[in-house]
N, C-alpha and C. Protein backbone atom coordinates (compact mmCIF):
# COMPACT_ATOMS: atom_id res chain seq x y z
N UNK A 1 -16.33 -75.45 -107.47
CA UNK A 1 -16.79 -76.65 -106.82
C UNK A 1 -15.70 -77.72 -106.93
N UNK A 2 -15.36 -78.32 -105.80
CA UNK A 2 -14.30 -79.32 -105.79
C UNK A 2 -14.90 -80.70 -105.57
N UNK A 3 -14.56 -81.62 -106.43
CA UNK A 3 -14.99 -83.01 -106.28
C UNK A 3 -14.08 -83.71 -105.27
N UNK A 4 -14.66 -84.58 -104.45
CA UNK A 4 -13.89 -85.24 -103.38
C UNK A 4 -12.79 -86.14 -103.91
N UNK A 5 -12.89 -86.61 -105.14
CA UNK A 5 -11.90 -87.53 -105.71
C UNK A 5 -10.76 -86.81 -106.42
N UNK A 6 -10.77 -85.48 -106.39
CA UNK A 6 -9.71 -84.70 -107.03
C UNK A 6 -8.99 -83.89 -105.94
N UNK A 7 -7.71 -84.23 -105.72
CA UNK A 7 -6.94 -83.50 -104.71
C UNK A 7 -6.35 -82.22 -105.30
N UNK A 8 -5.68 -82.32 -106.42
CA UNK A 8 -5.03 -81.19 -107.07
C UNK A 8 -5.51 -81.18 -108.53
N UNK A 9 -6.39 -80.25 -108.87
CA UNK A 9 -7.02 -80.23 -110.19
C UNK A 9 -6.00 -80.14 -111.32
N UNK A 10 -4.99 -79.30 -111.18
CA UNK A 10 -4.01 -79.15 -112.26
C UNK A 10 -3.24 -80.45 -112.50
N UNK A 11 -2.80 -81.10 -111.43
CA UNK A 11 -2.10 -82.37 -111.55
C UNK A 11 -3.02 -83.44 -112.13
N UNK A 12 -4.24 -83.47 -111.63
CA UNK A 12 -5.22 -84.46 -112.07
C UNK A 12 -5.48 -84.34 -113.56
N UNK A 13 -5.66 -83.12 -114.07
CA UNK A 13 -5.90 -82.87 -115.50
C UNK A 13 -4.75 -83.36 -116.36
N UNK A 14 -3.51 -83.14 -115.90
CA UNK A 14 -2.33 -83.49 -116.69
C UNK A 14 -2.19 -84.98 -116.94
N UNK A 15 -2.75 -85.80 -116.06
CA UNK A 15 -2.58 -87.26 -116.16
C UNK A 15 -3.44 -87.90 -117.24
N UNK A 16 -4.40 -87.19 -117.80
CA UNK A 16 -5.24 -87.77 -118.84
C UNK A 16 -4.50 -87.79 -120.16
N UNK A 17 -4.60 -88.91 -120.86
CA UNK A 17 -4.01 -89.05 -122.19
C UNK A 17 -5.06 -89.41 -123.23
N UNK A 18 -5.99 -90.29 -122.88
CA UNK A 18 -6.98 -90.79 -123.83
C UNK A 18 -8.27 -89.95 -123.78
N UNK A 19 -8.83 -89.68 -124.96
CA UNK A 19 -10.15 -89.05 -125.01
C UNK A 19 -10.91 -89.48 -126.24
N UNK A 20 -12.22 -89.36 -126.17
CA UNK A 20 -13.13 -89.58 -127.28
C UNK A 20 -13.91 -88.30 -127.49
N UNK A 21 -14.25 -88.04 -128.72
CA UNK A 21 -15.02 -86.83 -129.04
C UNK A 21 -16.48 -87.17 -129.21
N UNK A 22 -17.33 -86.30 -128.69
CA UNK A 22 -18.77 -86.43 -128.87
C UNK A 22 -19.35 -85.06 -129.21
N UNK A 23 -20.48 -85.08 -129.91
CA UNK A 23 -21.26 -83.86 -130.18
C UNK A 23 -22.58 -84.00 -129.45
N UNK A 24 -23.00 -82.94 -128.80
CA UNK A 24 -24.25 -82.97 -128.07
C UNK A 24 -25.41 -82.96 -129.07
N UNK A 25 -26.17 -84.05 -129.07
CA UNK A 25 -27.31 -84.18 -129.97
C UNK A 25 -28.55 -83.51 -129.38
N UNK A 26 -29.46 -83.11 -130.25
CA UNK A 26 -30.68 -82.44 -129.81
C UNK A 26 -31.45 -83.31 -128.80
N UNK A 27 -31.49 -84.61 -129.07
CA UNK A 27 -32.24 -85.52 -128.19
C UNK A 27 -31.62 -85.64 -126.80
N UNK A 28 -30.40 -85.15 -126.62
CA UNK A 28 -29.71 -85.22 -125.32
C UNK A 28 -29.86 -83.94 -124.50
N UNK A 29 -30.70 -83.04 -125.00
CA UNK A 29 -30.90 -81.77 -124.30
C UNK A 29 -32.30 -81.67 -123.73
N UNK A 30 -32.47 -80.74 -122.79
CA UNK A 30 -33.80 -80.49 -122.21
C UNK A 30 -34.48 -79.36 -122.99
N UNK A 31 -35.61 -78.92 -122.52
CA UNK A 31 -36.38 -77.91 -123.24
C UNK A 31 -35.68 -76.55 -123.29
N UNK A 32 -34.63 -76.36 -122.52
CA UNK A 32 -33.86 -75.12 -122.53
C UNK A 32 -32.62 -75.21 -123.40
N UNK A 33 -32.38 -76.38 -124.00
CA UNK A 33 -31.21 -76.58 -124.85
C UNK A 33 -29.99 -77.01 -124.07
N UNK A 34 -30.12 -77.21 -122.74
CA UNK A 34 -29.01 -77.70 -121.91
C UNK A 34 -28.86 -79.20 -122.06
N UNK A 35 -27.64 -79.67 -121.97
CA UNK A 35 -27.39 -81.11 -121.93
C UNK A 35 -28.12 -81.71 -120.75
N UNK A 36 -28.92 -82.75 -121.00
CA UNK A 36 -29.62 -83.44 -119.93
C UNK A 36 -28.60 -84.11 -119.02
N UNK A 37 -28.83 -84.02 -117.71
CA UNK A 37 -27.82 -84.54 -116.77
C UNK A 37 -27.59 -86.02 -116.88
N UNK A 38 -28.53 -86.78 -117.42
CA UNK A 38 -28.32 -88.22 -117.57
C UNK A 38 -27.47 -88.57 -118.79
N UNK A 39 -27.40 -87.67 -119.76
CA UNK A 39 -26.65 -87.94 -121.01
C UNK A 39 -25.16 -88.09 -120.76
N UNK A 40 -24.66 -87.44 -119.74
CA UNK A 40 -23.22 -87.51 -119.44
C UNK A 40 -22.80 -88.96 -119.18
N UNK A 41 -23.68 -89.74 -118.56
CA UNK A 41 -23.34 -91.12 -118.25
C UNK A 41 -23.21 -91.95 -119.53
N UNK A 42 -23.96 -91.59 -120.56
CA UNK A 42 -23.81 -92.23 -121.87
C UNK A 42 -22.46 -91.87 -122.47
N UNK A 43 -22.03 -90.62 -122.30
CA UNK A 43 -20.71 -90.21 -122.77
C UNK A 43 -19.61 -90.96 -122.03
N UNK A 44 -19.78 -91.13 -120.73
CA UNK A 44 -18.81 -91.90 -119.95
C UNK A 44 -18.70 -93.32 -120.51
N UNK A 45 -19.86 -93.94 -120.79
CA UNK A 45 -19.86 -95.29 -121.33
C UNK A 45 -19.15 -95.35 -122.67
N UNK A 46 -19.46 -94.43 -123.55
CA UNK A 46 -18.84 -94.42 -124.87
C UNK A 46 -17.32 -94.27 -124.73
N UNK A 47 -16.88 -93.31 -123.95
CA UNK A 47 -15.44 -93.06 -123.78
C UNK A 47 -14.76 -94.25 -123.10
N UNK A 48 -15.43 -94.86 -122.13
CA UNK A 48 -14.86 -96.02 -121.41
C UNK A 48 -14.65 -97.19 -122.38
N UNK A 49 -15.63 -97.45 -123.22
CA UNK A 49 -15.51 -98.55 -124.19
C UNK A 49 -14.40 -98.25 -125.19
N UNK A 50 -14.33 -97.03 -125.68
CA UNK A 50 -13.26 -96.66 -126.61
C UNK A 50 -11.89 -96.79 -125.93
N UNK A 51 -11.83 -96.41 -124.67
CA UNK A 51 -10.59 -96.54 -123.89
C UNK A 51 -10.18 -98.01 -123.80
N UNK A 52 -11.13 -98.88 -123.43
CA UNK A 52 -10.83 -100.31 -123.35
C UNK A 52 -10.42 -100.87 -124.71
N UNK A 53 -11.07 -100.41 -125.77
CA UNK A 53 -10.67 -100.85 -127.12
C UNK A 53 -9.24 -100.44 -127.42
N UNK A 54 -8.89 -99.22 -127.03
CA UNK A 54 -7.53 -98.74 -127.30
C UNK A 54 -6.48 -99.56 -126.57
N UNK A 55 -6.88 -100.21 -125.48
CA UNK A 55 -5.98 -101.06 -124.70
C UNK A 55 -6.10 -102.53 -125.08
N UNK A 56 -6.88 -102.80 -126.13
CA UNK A 56 -7.10 -104.17 -126.64
C UNK A 56 -7.74 -105.08 -125.61
N UNK A 57 -8.68 -104.56 -124.83
CA UNK A 57 -9.35 -105.36 -123.79
C UNK A 57 -10.73 -105.82 -124.21
N UNK A 58 -11.35 -105.14 -125.15
CA UNK A 58 -12.74 -105.43 -125.48
C UNK A 58 -12.89 -106.79 -126.17
N UNK A 59 -11.90 -107.21 -126.96
CA UNK A 59 -12.02 -108.49 -127.66
C UNK A 59 -12.24 -109.64 -126.69
N UNK A 60 -11.48 -109.64 -125.61
CA UNK A 60 -11.61 -110.70 -124.60
C UNK A 60 -13.02 -110.69 -124.00
N UNK A 61 -13.51 -109.50 -123.65
CA UNK A 61 -14.82 -109.41 -123.02
C UNK A 61 -15.97 -109.66 -123.98
N UNK A 62 -15.77 -109.35 -125.25
CA UNK A 62 -16.83 -109.51 -126.25
C UNK A 62 -16.90 -110.95 -126.81
N UNK A 63 -15.88 -111.74 -126.53
CA UNK A 63 -15.86 -113.12 -127.01
C UNK A 63 -16.97 -113.91 -126.28
N UNK A 64 -17.94 -114.46 -127.03
CA UNK A 64 -19.03 -115.20 -126.37
C UNK A 64 -18.54 -116.40 -125.54
N UNK A 65 -17.34 -116.90 -125.86
CA UNK A 65 -16.80 -118.01 -125.08
C UNK A 65 -15.90 -117.52 -123.94
N UNK A 66 -15.73 -116.21 -123.83
CA UNK A 66 -14.91 -115.65 -122.76
C UNK A 66 -15.54 -115.89 -121.40
N UNK A 67 -14.70 -115.93 -120.40
CA UNK A 67 -15.19 -116.22 -119.05
C UNK A 67 -15.46 -114.98 -118.22
N UNK A 68 -14.89 -113.83 -118.61
CA UNK A 68 -15.05 -112.64 -117.78
C UNK A 68 -15.69 -111.49 -118.57
N UNK A 69 -16.34 -110.62 -117.82
CA UNK A 69 -16.93 -109.39 -118.37
C UNK A 69 -16.73 -108.26 -117.36
N UNK A 70 -16.69 -107.02 -117.83
CA UNK A 70 -16.60 -105.89 -116.90
C UNK A 70 -18.00 -105.37 -116.58
N UNK A 71 -18.22 -105.02 -115.34
CA UNK A 71 -19.48 -104.38 -114.97
C UNK A 71 -19.17 -103.07 -114.23
N UNK A 72 -20.04 -102.12 -114.37
CA UNK A 72 -19.90 -100.86 -113.66
C UNK A 72 -20.53 -101.03 -112.28
N UNK A 73 -19.73 -100.85 -111.24
CA UNK A 73 -20.22 -101.02 -109.88
C UNK A 73 -20.78 -99.71 -109.32
N UNK A 74 -20.19 -98.60 -109.71
CA UNK A 74 -20.72 -97.29 -109.33
C UNK A 74 -20.21 -96.24 -110.30
N UNK A 75 -20.91 -95.12 -110.36
CA UNK A 75 -20.57 -94.07 -111.30
C UNK A 75 -21.13 -92.76 -110.77
N UNK A 76 -20.32 -91.72 -110.82
CA UNK A 76 -20.79 -90.40 -110.39
C UNK A 76 -20.27 -89.33 -111.31
N UNK A 77 -20.98 -88.22 -111.33
CA UNK A 77 -20.62 -87.09 -112.17
C UNK A 77 -20.77 -85.80 -111.38
N UNK A 78 -19.85 -84.89 -111.59
CA UNK A 78 -19.93 -83.55 -111.03
C UNK A 78 -19.95 -82.57 -112.18
N UNK A 79 -20.99 -81.76 -112.24
CA UNK A 79 -21.21 -80.82 -113.34
C UNK A 79 -20.58 -79.49 -112.97
N UNK A 80 -19.77 -78.95 -113.89
CA UNK A 80 -19.01 -77.73 -113.61
C UNK A 80 -19.46 -76.54 -114.45
N UNK A 81 -19.90 -76.79 -115.68
CA UNK A 81 -20.32 -75.73 -116.58
C UNK A 81 -21.50 -76.21 -117.41
N UNK A 82 -22.33 -75.28 -117.83
CA UNK A 82 -23.45 -75.65 -118.69
C UNK A 82 -22.92 -76.11 -120.06
N UNK A 83 -23.63 -77.07 -120.63
CA UNK A 83 -23.31 -77.59 -121.96
C UNK A 83 -24.60 -77.50 -122.76
N UNK A 84 -24.49 -77.13 -124.05
CA UNK A 84 -25.66 -76.90 -124.88
C UNK A 84 -25.63 -77.76 -126.15
N UNK A 85 -26.79 -77.83 -126.80
CA UNK A 85 -26.94 -78.54 -128.05
C UNK A 85 -25.85 -78.15 -129.04
N UNK A 86 -25.33 -79.15 -129.72
CA UNK A 86 -24.36 -79.05 -130.80
C UNK A 86 -22.93 -78.69 -130.36
N UNK A 87 -22.69 -78.62 -129.05
CA UNK A 87 -21.32 -78.40 -128.60
C UNK A 87 -20.50 -79.66 -128.87
N UNK A 88 -19.23 -79.45 -129.16
CA UNK A 88 -18.29 -80.56 -129.35
C UNK A 88 -17.53 -80.74 -128.04
N UNK A 89 -17.51 -81.95 -127.54
CA UNK A 89 -16.83 -82.25 -126.27
C UNK A 89 -15.77 -83.31 -126.47
N UNK A 90 -14.75 -83.24 -125.64
CA UNK A 90 -13.76 -84.30 -125.52
C UNK A 90 -13.97 -84.92 -124.14
N UNK A 91 -14.20 -86.23 -124.13
CA UNK A 91 -14.42 -86.94 -122.88
C UNK A 91 -13.19 -87.79 -122.61
N UNK A 92 -12.43 -87.40 -121.61
CA UNK A 92 -11.18 -88.05 -121.25
C UNK A 92 -11.45 -89.17 -120.25
N UNK A 93 -10.62 -90.23 -120.31
CA UNK A 93 -10.72 -91.37 -119.38
C UNK A 93 -9.31 -91.76 -118.98
N UNK A 94 -9.14 -92.12 -117.71
CA UNK A 94 -7.87 -92.66 -117.25
C UNK A 94 -8.13 -93.66 -116.13
N UNK A 95 -7.21 -94.61 -116.01
CA UNK A 95 -7.24 -95.53 -114.88
C UNK A 95 -6.60 -94.82 -113.71
N UNK A 96 -7.36 -94.66 -112.67
CA UNK A 96 -6.85 -93.95 -111.49
C UNK A 96 -6.24 -94.90 -110.47
N UNK A 97 -6.86 -96.08 -110.32
CA UNK A 97 -6.39 -97.05 -109.31
C UNK A 97 -6.80 -98.44 -109.74
N UNK A 98 -5.94 -99.40 -109.48
CA UNK A 98 -6.24 -100.81 -109.75
C UNK A 98 -6.36 -101.55 -108.43
N UNK A 99 -7.44 -102.34 -108.33
CA UNK A 99 -7.60 -103.25 -107.21
C UNK A 99 -7.33 -104.66 -107.67
N UNK A 100 -7.70 -105.64 -106.87
CA UNK A 100 -7.50 -107.04 -107.23
C UNK A 100 -8.34 -107.42 -108.45
N UNK A 101 -9.61 -107.04 -108.45
CA UNK A 101 -10.52 -107.36 -109.56
C UNK A 101 -11.27 -106.11 -110.04
N UNK A 102 -10.94 -104.97 -109.47
CA UNK A 102 -11.64 -103.72 -109.81
C UNK A 102 -10.65 -102.67 -110.26
N UNK A 103 -11.21 -101.63 -110.87
CA UNK A 103 -10.41 -100.47 -111.24
C UNK A 103 -11.27 -99.23 -111.07
N UNK A 104 -10.65 -98.16 -110.63
CA UNK A 104 -11.32 -96.87 -110.56
C UNK A 104 -10.91 -96.08 -111.80
N UNK A 105 -11.91 -95.64 -112.54
CA UNK A 105 -11.68 -94.81 -113.72
C UNK A 105 -12.12 -93.39 -113.39
N UNK A 106 -11.39 -92.43 -113.93
CA UNK A 106 -11.77 -91.04 -113.81
C UNK A 106 -12.09 -90.48 -115.17
N UNK A 107 -12.99 -89.51 -115.21
CA UNK A 107 -13.47 -88.91 -116.45
C UNK A 107 -13.38 -87.39 -116.35
N UNK A 108 -13.16 -86.77 -117.49
CA UNK A 108 -13.15 -85.31 -117.57
C UNK A 108 -13.72 -84.91 -118.93
N UNK A 109 -14.71 -84.05 -118.93
CA UNK A 109 -15.27 -83.53 -120.16
C UNK A 109 -14.82 -82.10 -120.37
N UNK A 110 -14.33 -81.80 -121.58
CA UNK A 110 -13.91 -80.44 -121.91
C UNK A 110 -14.63 -79.97 -123.16
N UNK A 111 -14.95 -78.68 -123.18
CA UNK A 111 -15.60 -78.10 -124.35
C UNK A 111 -14.55 -77.60 -125.35
N UNK A 112 -15.02 -76.95 -126.41
CA UNK A 112 -14.11 -76.47 -127.46
C UNK A 112 -13.19 -75.33 -127.01
N UNK A 113 -13.51 -74.74 -125.85
CA UNK A 113 -12.67 -73.67 -125.28
C UNK A 113 -11.68 -74.23 -124.27
N UNK A 114 -11.58 -75.57 -124.21
CA UNK A 114 -10.68 -76.28 -123.27
C UNK A 114 -11.08 -76.06 -121.82
N UNK A 115 -12.35 -75.80 -121.58
CA UNK A 115 -12.88 -75.62 -120.23
C UNK A 115 -13.45 -76.96 -119.76
N UNK A 116 -13.22 -77.27 -118.49
CA UNK A 116 -13.81 -78.49 -117.92
C UNK A 116 -15.29 -78.23 -117.70
N UNK A 117 -16.13 -79.10 -118.28
CA UNK A 117 -17.58 -78.94 -118.13
C UNK A 117 -18.17 -79.97 -117.17
N UNK A 118 -17.51 -81.11 -117.02
CA UNK A 118 -17.91 -82.10 -116.02
C UNK A 118 -16.72 -82.99 -115.70
N UNK A 119 -16.76 -83.58 -114.51
CA UNK A 119 -15.78 -84.58 -114.09
C UNK A 119 -16.56 -85.77 -113.56
N UNK A 120 -15.87 -86.90 -113.45
CA UNK A 120 -16.54 -88.06 -112.92
C UNK A 120 -15.58 -89.15 -112.52
N UNK A 121 -16.14 -90.13 -111.85
CA UNK A 121 -15.36 -91.28 -111.43
C UNK A 121 -16.30 -92.46 -111.35
N UNK A 122 -15.72 -93.65 -111.44
CA UNK A 122 -16.51 -94.86 -111.31
C UNK A 122 -15.63 -96.06 -111.10
N UNK A 123 -16.25 -97.13 -110.64
CA UNK A 123 -15.54 -98.37 -110.41
C UNK A 123 -16.07 -99.43 -111.36
N UNK A 124 -15.15 -100.12 -112.02
CA UNK A 124 -15.48 -101.24 -112.90
C UNK A 124 -14.91 -102.49 -112.25
N UNK A 125 -15.70 -103.54 -112.22
CA UNK A 125 -15.27 -104.82 -111.64
C UNK A 125 -15.31 -105.88 -112.72
N UNK A 126 -14.25 -106.67 -112.79
CA UNK A 126 -14.23 -107.80 -113.71
C UNK A 126 -14.85 -109.00 -112.98
N UNK A 127 -15.90 -109.58 -113.60
CA UNK A 127 -16.59 -110.71 -112.97
C UNK A 127 -16.60 -111.92 -113.90
N UNK A 128 -16.85 -113.08 -113.31
CA UNK A 128 -17.05 -114.29 -114.07
C UNK A 128 -18.44 -114.21 -114.70
N UNK A 129 -18.52 -114.43 -115.99
CA UNK A 129 -19.76 -114.31 -116.75
C UNK A 129 -20.86 -115.22 -116.18
N UNK A 130 -20.51 -116.40 -115.72
CA UNK A 130 -21.52 -117.36 -115.26
C UNK A 130 -21.86 -117.20 -113.78
N UNK A 131 -20.84 -117.08 -112.94
CA UNK A 131 -21.08 -117.05 -111.50
C UNK A 131 -21.37 -115.66 -110.97
N UNK A 132 -20.91 -114.64 -111.70
CA UNK A 132 -21.08 -113.26 -111.20
C UNK A 132 -20.08 -112.87 -110.13
N UNK A 133 -19.13 -113.73 -109.86
CA UNK A 133 -18.13 -113.47 -108.83
C UNK A 133 -16.95 -112.68 -109.41
N UNK A 134 -16.34 -111.82 -108.60
CA UNK A 134 -15.17 -111.07 -109.07
C UNK A 134 -14.04 -111.99 -109.50
N UNK A 135 -13.32 -111.57 -110.53
CA UNK A 135 -12.16 -112.32 -111.05
C UNK A 135 -10.96 -111.38 -111.05
N UNK A 136 -9.88 -111.82 -110.46
CA UNK A 136 -8.67 -111.00 -110.37
C UNK A 136 -8.11 -110.69 -111.75
N UNK A 137 -7.51 -109.51 -111.88
CA UNK A 137 -6.81 -109.15 -113.12
C UNK A 137 -5.57 -110.02 -113.26
N UNK A 138 -5.22 -110.34 -114.47
CA UNK A 138 -3.96 -111.07 -114.71
C UNK A 138 -2.82 -110.06 -114.59
N UNK A 139 -1.61 -110.57 -114.49
CA UNK A 139 -0.42 -109.69 -114.44
C UNK A 139 -0.34 -108.83 -115.69
N UNK A 140 -0.67 -109.42 -116.85
CA UNK A 140 -0.62 -108.67 -118.11
C UNK A 140 -1.63 -107.54 -118.12
N UNK A 141 -2.85 -107.82 -117.62
CA UNK A 141 -3.88 -106.78 -117.57
C UNK A 141 -3.47 -105.66 -116.63
N UNK A 142 -2.95 -106.02 -115.47
CA UNK A 142 -2.48 -105.00 -114.53
C UNK A 142 -1.44 -104.10 -115.17
N UNK A 143 -0.52 -104.71 -115.88
CA UNK A 143 0.55 -103.95 -116.53
C UNK A 143 -0.01 -102.96 -117.56
N UNK A 144 -0.96 -103.43 -118.38
CA UNK A 144 -1.57 -102.56 -119.40
C UNK A 144 -2.27 -101.39 -118.76
N UNK A 145 -3.09 -101.66 -117.74
CA UNK A 145 -3.85 -100.58 -117.11
C UNK A 145 -2.96 -99.62 -116.35
N UNK A 146 -1.96 -100.14 -115.67
CA UNK A 146 -1.08 -99.26 -114.91
C UNK A 146 -0.21 -98.39 -115.82
N UNK A 147 0.14 -98.90 -116.99
CA UNK A 147 0.91 -98.09 -117.95
C UNK A 147 0.06 -96.94 -118.50
N UNK A 148 -1.24 -97.08 -118.45
CA UNK A 148 -2.14 -96.08 -119.03
C UNK A 148 -2.90 -95.33 -117.95
N UNK A 149 -2.35 -95.31 -116.75
CA UNK A 149 -3.01 -94.57 -115.67
C UNK A 149 -2.33 -93.23 -115.45
């Protein structure tokens, strides 16, 4: 199965550098022991936050006096292989594209056999905390994200 946002799977896989590890908890599975399809979005969130922390971006957004926050504008997942309770996964994140106030992030989940179990993509928009309006990335932010794409 080919996801529309992946042109060349081998090239796409090579571009990932950052990942977070997760273990599939019992509460994240269905009655058959399969990973519930909604749990992957929680993994995306966890990996995305860890990715932003690694780029030193979370402090600015977590500051109660800060003016901007990131919001998820859209998110999708493509499931490639079954995942079961207690499996260890690596959830990779990369910046795929930068817009004026948005960024497209791509995700890849791999199991302990280095097999891709799911892929995903989503758009994050930086907005003004009070007005809700998009706020352009600074030159420094663009540089950080583009270096890690």
